[in-house]
PDB file of N, CA and C in Angstrom:
ATOM      1  N   MET A   1      17.613  28.442 -16.144  1.00  0.00           N
ATOM      2  CA  MET A   1      16.947  27.511 -17.043  1.00  0.00           C
ATOM      3  C   MET A   1      15.583  27.178 -16.438  1.00  0.00           C
ATOM      4  N   THR A   2      14.548  27.279 -17.242  1.00  0.00           N
ATOM      5  CA  THR A   2      13.207  26.951 -16.773  1.00  0.00           C
ATOM      6  C   THR A   2      13.020  25.436 -16.751  1.00  0.00           C
ATOM      7  N   PRO A   3      12.016  24.943 -16.028  1.00  0.00           N
ATOM      8  CA  PRO A   3      11.753  23.502 -16.048  1.00  0.00           C
ATOM      9  C   PRO A   3      11.513  22.966 -17.458  1.00  0.00           C
ATOM     10  N   ASP A   4      10.765  23.708 -18.286  1.00  0.00           N
ATOM     11  CA  ASP A   4      10.523  23.260 -19.661  1.00  0.00           C
ATOM     12  C   ASP A   4      11.812  23.159 -20.458  1.00  0.00           C
ATOM     13  N   GLU A   5      12.710  24.128 -20.288  1.00  0.00           N
ATOM     14  CA  GLU A   5      13.990  24.095 -21.000  1.00  0.00           C
ATOM     15  C   GLU A   5      14.834  22.912 -20.540  1.00  0.00           C
ATOM     16  N   TRP A   6      14.827  22.625 -19.217  1.00  0.00           N
ATOM     17  CA  TRP A   6      15.588  21.495 -18.702  1.00  0.00           C
ATOM     18  C   TRP A   6      15.074  20.187 -19.291  1.00  0.00           C
ATOM     19  N   VAL A   7      13.757  20.028 -19.305  1.00  0.00           N
ATOM     20  CA  VAL A   7      13.172  18.790 -19.837  1.00  0.00           C
ATOM     21  C   VAL A   7      13.502  18.633 -21.309  1.00  0.00           C
ATOM     22  N   GLU A   8      13.371  19.685 -22.096  1.00  0.00           N
ATOM     23  CA  GLU A   8      13.684  19.600 -23.528  1.00  0.00           C
ATOM     24  C   GLU A   8      15.147  19.224 -23.744  1.00  0.00           C
ATOM     25  N   LYS A   9      16.048  19.846 -22.979  1.00  0.00           N
ATOM     26  CA  LYS A   9      17.478  19.532 -23.109  1.00  0.00           C
ATOM     27  C   LYS A   9      17.748  18.091 -22.667  1.00  0.00           C
ATOM     28  N   ALA A  10      17.112  17.670 -21.584  1.00  0.00           N
ATOM     29  CA  ALA A  10      17.295  16.302 -21.096  1.00  0.00           C
ATOM     30  C   ALA A  10      16.799  15.282 -22.112  1.00  0.00           C
ATOM     31  N   LEU A  11      15.644  15.529 -22.700  1.00  0.00           N
ATOM     32  CA  LEU A  11      15.095  14.603 -23.688  1.00  0.00           C
ATOM     33  C   LEU A  11      15.946  14.579 -24.957  1.00  0.00           C
ATOM     34  N   GLU A  12      16.576  15.709 -25.257  1.00  0.00           N
ATOM     35  CA  GLU A  12      17.452  15.781 -26.437  1.00  0.00           C
ATOM     36  C   GLU A  12      18.744  15.004 -26.228  1.00  0.00           C
ATOM     37  N   THR A  13      19.332  15.107 -25.042  1.00  0.00           N
ATOM     38  CA  THR A  13      20.621  14.461 -24.796  1.00  0.00           C
ATOM     39  C   THR A  13      20.506  13.013 -24.365  1.00  0.00           C
ATOM     40  N   TYR A  14      19.359  12.608 -23.864  1.00  0.00           N
ATOM     41  CA  TYR A  14      19.175  11.253 -23.343  1.00  0.00           C
ATOM     42  C   TYR A  14      19.630  10.168 -24.317  1.00  0.00           C
ATOM     43  N   PRO A  15      19.187  10.175 -25.571  1.00  0.00           N
ATOM     44  CA  PRO A  15      19.602   9.091 -26.476  1.00  0.00           C
ATOM     45  C   PRO A  15      21.102   9.086 -26.776  1.00  0.00           C
ATOM     46  N   ARG A  16      21.737  10.250 -26.709  1.00  0.00           N
ATOM     47  CA  ARG A  16      23.157  10.338 -27.046  1.00  0.00           C
ATOM     48  C   ARG A  16      24.080  10.034 -25.875  1.00  0.00           C
ATOM     49  N   CYS A  17      23.683  10.428 -24.680  1.00  0.00           N
ATOM     50  CA  CYS A  17      24.611  10.373 -23.541  1.00  0.00           C
ATOM     51  C   CYS A  17      24.226   9.365 -22.466  1.00  0.00           C
ATOM     52  N   CYS A  18      23.166   8.629 -22.662  1.00  0.00           N
ATOM     53  CA  CYS A  18      22.763   7.622 -21.678  1.00  0.00           C
ATOM     54  C   CYS A  18      22.856   6.245 -22.324  1.00  0.00           C
ATOM     55  N   GLY A  19      23.451   5.321 -21.613  1.00  0.00           N
ATOM     56  CA  GLY A  19      23.611   3.974 -22.145  1.00  0.00           C
ATOM     57  C   GLY A  19      25.071   3.639 -22.358  1.00  0.00           C
ATOM     58  N   ALA A  20      25.312   2.483 -22.922  1.00  0.00           N
ATOM     59  CA  ALA A  20      26.677   2.002 -23.113  1.00  0.00           C
ATOM     60  C   ALA A  20      27.401   2.690 -24.270  1.00  0.00           C
ATOM     61  N   ASP A  21      26.660   3.062 -25.320  1.00  0.00           N
ATOM     62  CA  ASP A  21      27.274   3.678 -26.498  1.00  0.00           C
ATOM     63  C   ASP A  21      27.227   5.194 -26.386  1.00  0.00           C
ATOM     64  N   LEU A  22      28.358   5.790 -26.094  1.00  0.00           N
ATOM     65  CA  LEU A  22      28.446   7.246 -25.958  1.00  0.00           C
ATOM     66  C   LEU A  22      29.049   7.907 -27.198  1.00  0.00           C
ATOM     67  N   SER A  23      29.102   7.189 -28.299  1.00  0.00           N
ATOM     68  CA  SER A  23      29.752   7.724 -29.496  1.00  0.00           C
ATOM     69  C   SER A  23      29.066   8.987 -30.022  1.00  0.00           C
ATOM     70  N   GLU A  24      27.781   9.150 -29.791  1.00  0.00           N
ATOM     71  CA  GLU A  24      27.061  10.334 -30.258  1.00  0.00           C
ATOM     72  C   GLU A  24      27.014  11.449 -29.217  1.00  0.00           C
ATOM     73  N   CYS A  25      27.444  11.165 -27.998  1.00  0.00           N
ATOM     74  CA  CYS A  25      27.439  12.159 -26.927  1.00  0.00           C
ATOM     75  C   CYS A  25      28.492  13.225 -27.238  1.00  0.00           C
ATOM     76  N   THR A  26      28.113  14.483 -27.146  1.00  0.00           N
ATOM     77  CA  THR A  26      29.019  15.578 -27.503  1.00  0.00           C
ATOM     78  C   THR A  26      29.735  16.192 -26.306  1.00  0.00           C
ATOM     79  N   CYS A  27      29.533  15.642 -25.109  1.00  0.00           N
ATOM     80  CA  CYS A  27      30.204  16.171 -23.921  1.00  0.00           C
ATOM     81  C   CYS A  27      31.711  15.933 -24.054  1.00  0.00           C
ATOM     82  N   PRO A  28      32.513  16.971 -23.859  1.00  0.00           N
ATOM     83  CA  PRO A  28      33.961  16.811 -24.041  1.00  0.00           C
ATOM     84  C   PRO A  28      34.636  15.928 -22.987  1.00  0.00           C
ATOM     85  N   VAL A  29      33.964  15.642 -21.875  1.00  0.00           N
ATOM     86  CA  VAL A  29      34.565  14.818 -20.824  1.00  0.00           C
ATOM     87  C   VAL A  29      33.849  13.470 -20.689  1.00  0.00           C
ATOM     88  N   LYS A  30      33.180  13.038 -21.731  1.00  0.00           N
ATOM     89  CA  LYS A  30      32.358  11.822 -21.668  1.00  0.00           C
ATOM     90  C   LYS A  30      33.151  10.550 -21.365  1.00  0.00           C
ATOM     91  N   ASP A  31      34.442  10.552 -21.583  1.00  0.00           N
ATOM     92  CA  ASP A  31      35.252   9.353 -21.363  1.00  0.00           C
ATOM     93  C   ASP A  31      35.880   9.288 -19.965  1.00  0.00           C
ATOM     94  N   TYR A  32      35.646  10.286 -19.152  1.00  0.00           N
ATOM     95  CA  TYR A  32      36.239  10.320 -17.817  1.00  0.00           C
ATOM     96  C   TYR A  32      35.293   9.730 -16.776  1.00  0.00           C
ATOM     97  N   TRP A  33      35.883   9.148 -15.719  1.00  0.00           N
ATOM     98  CA  TRP A  33      35.101   8.466 -14.688  1.00  0.00           C
ATOM     99  C   TRP A  33      34.096   9.383 -14.008  1.00  0.00           C
ATOM    100  N   PHE A  34      34.465  10.652 -13.768  1.00  0.00           N
ATOM    101  CA  PHE A  34      33.550  11.546 -13.063  1.00  0.00           C
ATOM    102  C   PHE A  34      32.312  11.852 -13.892  1.00  0.00           C
ATOM    103  N   PHE A  35      32.459  11.902 -15.215  1.00  0.00           N
ATOM    104  CA  PHE A  35      31.292  12.083 -16.083  1.00  0.00           C
ATOM    105  C   PHE A  35      30.383  10.861 -15.984  1.00  0.00           C
ATOM    106  N   LYS A  36      30.982   9.685 -16.069  1.00  0.00           N
ATOM    107  CA  LYS A  36      30.195   8.449 -16.019  1.00  0.00           C
ATOM    108  C   LYS A  36      29.469   8.307 -14.685  1.00  0.00           C
ATOM    109  N   ASN A  37      30.079   8.746 -13.593  1.00  0.00           N
ATOM    110  CA  ASN A  37      29.410   8.707 -12.293  1.00  0.00           C
ATOM    111  C   ASN A  37      28.229   9.675 -12.240  1.00  0.00           C
ATOM    112  N   LYS A  38      28.420  10.874 -12.760  1.00  0.00           N
ATOM    113  CA  LYS A  38      27.357  11.887 -12.733  1.00  0.00           C
ATOM    114  C   LYS A  38      26.248  11.575 -13.730  1.00  0.00           C
ATOM    115  N   ILE A  39      26.609  11.103 -14.911  1.00  0.00           N
ATOM    116  CA  ILE A  39      25.606  10.879 -15.951  1.00  0.00           C
ATOM    117  C   ILE A  39      24.670   9.733 -15.579  1.00  0.00           C
ATOM    118  N   ALA A  40      25.136   8.787 -14.803  1.00  0.00           N
ATOM    119  CA  ALA A  40      24.276   7.677 -14.389  1.00  0.00           C
ATOM    120  C   ALA A  40      23.086   8.192 -13.590  1.00  0.00           C
ATOM    121  N   ASP A  41      23.319   9.123 -12.671  1.00  0.00           N
ATOM    122  CA  ASP A  41      22.233   9.715 -11.885  1.00  0.00           C
ATOM    123  C   ASP A  41      21.311  10.542 -12.775  1.00  0.00           C
ATOM    124  N   TYR A  42      21.906  11.322 -13.657  1.00  0.00           N
ATOM    125  CA  TYR A  42      21.149  12.148 -14.602  1.00  0.00           C
ATOM    126  C   TYR A  42      20.247  11.275 -15.475  1.00  0.00           C
ATOM    127  N   CYS A  43      20.814  10.200 -16.015  1.00  0.00           N
ATOM    128  CA  CYS A  43      20.046   9.314 -16.894  1.00  0.00           C
ATOM    129  C   CYS A  43      18.914   8.626 -16.143  1.00  0.00           C
ATOM    130  N   ALA A  44      19.156   8.275 -14.898  1.00  0.00           N
ATOM    131  CA  ALA A  44      18.104   7.651 -14.090  1.00  0.00           C
ATOM    132  C   ALA A  44      16.936   8.607 -13.899  1.00  0.00           C
ATOM    133  N   LYS A  45      17.222   9.875 -13.725  1.00  0.00           N
ATOM    134  CA  LYS A  45      16.164  10.880 -13.563  1.00  0.00           C
ATOM    135  C   LYS A  45      15.392  11.072 -14.865  1.00  0.00           C
ATOM    136  N   VAL A  46      16.091  11.137 -15.978  1.00  0.00           N
ATOM    137  CA  VAL A  46      15.436  11.344 -17.271  1.00  0.00           C
ATOM    138  C   VAL A  46      14.711  10.076 -17.717  1.00  0.00           C
ATOM    139  N   ASP A  47      15.193   8.927 -17.249  1.00  0.00           N
ATOM    140  CA  ASP A  47      14.634   7.641 -17.661  1.00  0.00           C
ATOM    141  C   ASP A  47      13.170   7.467 -17.261  1.00  0.00           C
ATOM    142  N   VAL A  48      12.650   8.292 -16.352  1.00  0.00           N
ATOM    143  CA  VAL A  48      11.240   8.154 -15.974  1.00  0.00           C
ATOM    144  C   VAL A  48      10.324   8.374 -17.177  1.00  0.00           C
ATOM    145  N   CYS A  49      10.821   9.078 -18.173  1.00  0.00           N
ATOM    146  CA  CYS A  49      10.038   9.265 -19.399  1.00  0.00           C
ATOM    147  C   CYS A  49      10.136   8.039 -20.294  1.00  0.00           C
ATOM    148  N   GLY A  50      11.206   7.275 -20.170  1.00  0.00           N
ATOM    149  CA  GLY A  50      11.414   6.072 -20.974  1.00  0.00           C
ATOM    150  C   GLY A  50      11.631   6.400 -22.437  1.00  0.00           C
ATOM    151  N   PRO A  51      12.523   5.688 -23.108  1.00  0.00           N
ATOM    152  CA  PRO A  51      12.803   5.954 -24.520  1.00  0.00           C
ATOM    153  C   PRO A  51      11.574   5.912 -25.431  1.00  0.00           C
ATOM    154  N   PRO A  52      10.612   4.959 -25.296  1.00  0.00           N
ATOM    155  CA  PRO A  52       9.450   4.997 -26.171  1.00  0.00           C
ATOM    156  C   PRO A  52       8.616   6.265 -25.974  1.00  0.00           C
ATOM    157  N   ALA A  53       8.492   6.701 -24.721  1.00  0.00           N
ATOM    158  CA  ALA A  53       7.724   7.909 -24.455  1.00  0.00           C
ATOM    159  C   ALA A  53       8.435   9.140 -24.992  1.00  0.00           C
ATOM    160  N   ILE A  54       9.756   9.153 -24.927  1.00  0.00           N
ATOM    161  CA  ILE A  54      10.513  10.301 -25.414  1.00  0.00           C
ATOM    162  C   ILE A  54      10.270  10.492 -26.906  1.00  0.00           C
ATOM    163  N   ALA A  55      10.289   9.451 -27.665  1.00  0.00           N
ATOM    164  CA  ALA A  55      10.089   9.557 -29.110  1.00  0.00           C
ATOM    165  C   ALA A  55       8.683  10.018 -29.446  1.00  0.00           C
ATOM    166  N   ALA A  56       7.706   9.653 -28.636  1.00  0.00           N
ATOM    167  CA  ALA A  56       6.313   9.972 -28.937  1.00  0.00           C
ATOM    168  C   ALA A  56       5.910  11.360 -28.480  1.00  0.00           C
ATOM    169  N   GLU A  57       6.665  11.948 -27.584  1.00  0.00           N
ATOM    170  CA  GLU A  57       6.287  13.235 -27.026  1.00  0.00           C
ATOM    171  C   GLU A  57       6.810  14.381 -27.870  1.00  0.00           C
ATOM    172  N   SER A  58       6.076  15.481 -27.819  1.00  0.00           N
ATOM    173  CA  SER A  58       6.564  16.713 -28.429  1.00  0.00           C
ATOM    174  C   SER A  58       6.629  17.758 -27.341  1.00  0.00           C
ATOM    175  N   SER A  59       7.202  18.904 -27.638  1.00  0.00           N
ATOM    176  CA  SER A  59       7.325  19.937 -26.626  1.00  0.00           C
ATOM    177  C   SER A  59       5.970  20.529 -26.260  1.00  0.00           C
ATOM    178  N   GLU A  60       4.989  20.435 -27.131  1.00  0.00           N
ATOM    179  CA  GLU A  60       3.669  20.990 -26.870  1.00  0.00           C
ATOM    180  C   GLU A  60       2.748  20.010 -26.166  1.00  0.00           C
ATOM    181  N   SER A  61       2.846  18.732 -26.482  1.00  0.00           N
ATOM    182  CA  SER A  61       1.956  17.727 -25.921  1.00  0.00           C
ATOM    183  C   SER A  61       2.785  16.651 -25.254  1.00  0.00           C
ATOM    184  N   SER A  62       2.751  16.622 -23.926  1.00  0.00           N
ATOM    185  CA  SER A  62       3.604  15.699 -23.187  1.00  0.00           C
ATOM    186  C   SER A  62       2.797  14.694 -22.409  1.00  0.00           C
ATOM    187  N   GLY A  63       3.414  13.547 -22.152  1.00  0.00           N
ATOM    188  CA  GLY A  63       2.810  12.530 -21.310  1.00  0.00           C
ATOM    189  C   GLY A  63       2.918  12.927 -19.850  1.00  0.00           C
ATOM    190  N   GLY A  64       2.352  12.123 -18.965  1.00  0.00           N
ATOM    191  CA  GLY A  64       2.326  12.423 -17.544  1.00  0.00           C
ATOM    192  C   GLY A  64       3.699  12.570 -16.941  1.00  0.00           C
ATOM    193  N   ASP A  65       4.633  11.715 -17.314  1.00  0.00           N
ATOM    194  CA  ASP A  65       5.957  11.790 -16.717  1.00  0.00           C
ATOM    195  C   ASP A  65       6.661  13.081 -17.085  1.00  0.00           C
ATOM    196  N   ALA A  66       6.554  13.518 -18.323  1.00  0.00           N
ATOM    197  CA  ALA A  66       7.202  14.763 -18.725  1.00  0.00           C
ATOM    198  C   ALA A  66       6.553  15.948 -18.027  1.00  0.00           C
ATOM    199  N   ARG A  67       5.222  15.916 -17.824  1.00  0.00           N
ATOM    200  CA  ARG A  67       4.563  16.994 -17.084  1.00  0.00           C
ATOM    201  C   ARG A  67       5.094  17.035 -15.653  1.00  0.00           C
ATOM    202  N   PHE A  68       5.326  15.865 -15.062  1.00  0.00           N
ATOM    203  CA  PHE A  68       5.882  15.806 -13.715  1.00  0.00           C
ATOM    204  C   PHE A  68       7.252  16.471 -13.691  1.00  0.00           C
ATOM    205  N   LEU A  69       8.103  16.175 -14.669  1.00  0.00           N
ATOM    206  CA  LEU A  69       9.430  16.777 -14.724  1.00  0.00           C
ATOM    207  C   LEU A  69       9.348  18.280 -14.918  1.00  0.00           C
ATOM    208  N   ARG A  70       8.317  18.755 -15.574  1.00  0.00           N
ATOM    209  CA  ARG A  70       8.152  20.186 -15.813  1.00  0.00           C
ATOM    210  C   ARG A  70       7.534  20.894 -14.613  1.00  0.00           C
ATOM    211  N   GLY A  71       7.301  20.174 -13.508  1.00  0.00           N
ATOM    212  CA  GLY A  71       6.777  20.807 -12.314  1.00  0.00           C
ATOM    213  C   GLY A  71       5.265  20.859 -12.251  1.00  0.00           C
ATOM    214  N   GLN A  72       4.590  20.094 -13.078  1.00  0.00           N
ATOM    215  CA  GLN A  72       3.132  20.080 -13.104  1.00  0.00           C
ATOM    216  C   GLN A  72       2.635  18.764 -12.528  1.00  0.00           C
ATOM    217  N   ALA A  73       3.070  18.433 -11.320  1.00  0.00           N
ATOM    218  CA  ALA A  73       2.809  17.130 -10.723  1.00  0.00           C
ATOM    219  C   ALA A  73       1.346  16.933 -10.362  1.00  0.00           C
ATOM    220  N   GLU A  74       0.589  18.009 -10.174  1.00  0.00           N
ATOM    221  CA  GLU A  74      -0.793  17.868  -9.738  1.00  0.00           C
ATOM    222  C   GLU A  74      -1.612  17.014 -10.685  1.00  0.00           C
ATOM    223  N   ASP A  75      -1.420  17.172 -11.990  1.00  0.00           N
ATOM    224  CA  ASP A  75      -2.228  16.433 -12.967  1.00  0.00           C
ATOM    225  C   ASP A  75      -1.416  15.415 -13.752  1.00  0.00           C
ATOM    226  N   ALA A  76      -0.264  15.024 -13.230  1.00  0.00           N
ATOM    227  CA  ALA A  76       0.652  14.163 -13.985  1.00  0.00           C
ATOM    228  C   ALA A  76       0.089  12.792 -14.279  1.00  0.00           C
ATOM    229  N   ASN A  77      -0.779  12.264 -13.451  1.00  0.00           N
ATOM    230  CA  ASN A  77      -1.283  10.920 -13.659  1.00  0.00           C
ATOM    231  C   ASN A  77      -2.726  10.875 -14.125  1.00  0.00           C
ATOM    232  N   GLU A  78      -3.237  11.992 -14.571  1.00  0.00           N
ATOM    233  CA  GLU A  78      -4.622  12.022 -15.044  1.00  0.00           C
ATOM    234  C   GLU A  78      -4.698  11.694 -16.510  1.00  0.00           C
TER     235      GLU A  78
END
């Protein structure tokens, strides 16, 4: 999986699988403790984009945080 593919997948699943309401999460093990332990770390990593930024970003034009996740840290804060 390329960095761009990971970011797109992370941004897609973030609203469904992060937070208290997992009713939209499609992971088959979402109700088990080990999923909840792992997803918390995953969500914290994806959270750097923040929900408002996620909605505003597209795959072609990304904010600084998404560029950082895609491995383009050199210009992430410009």
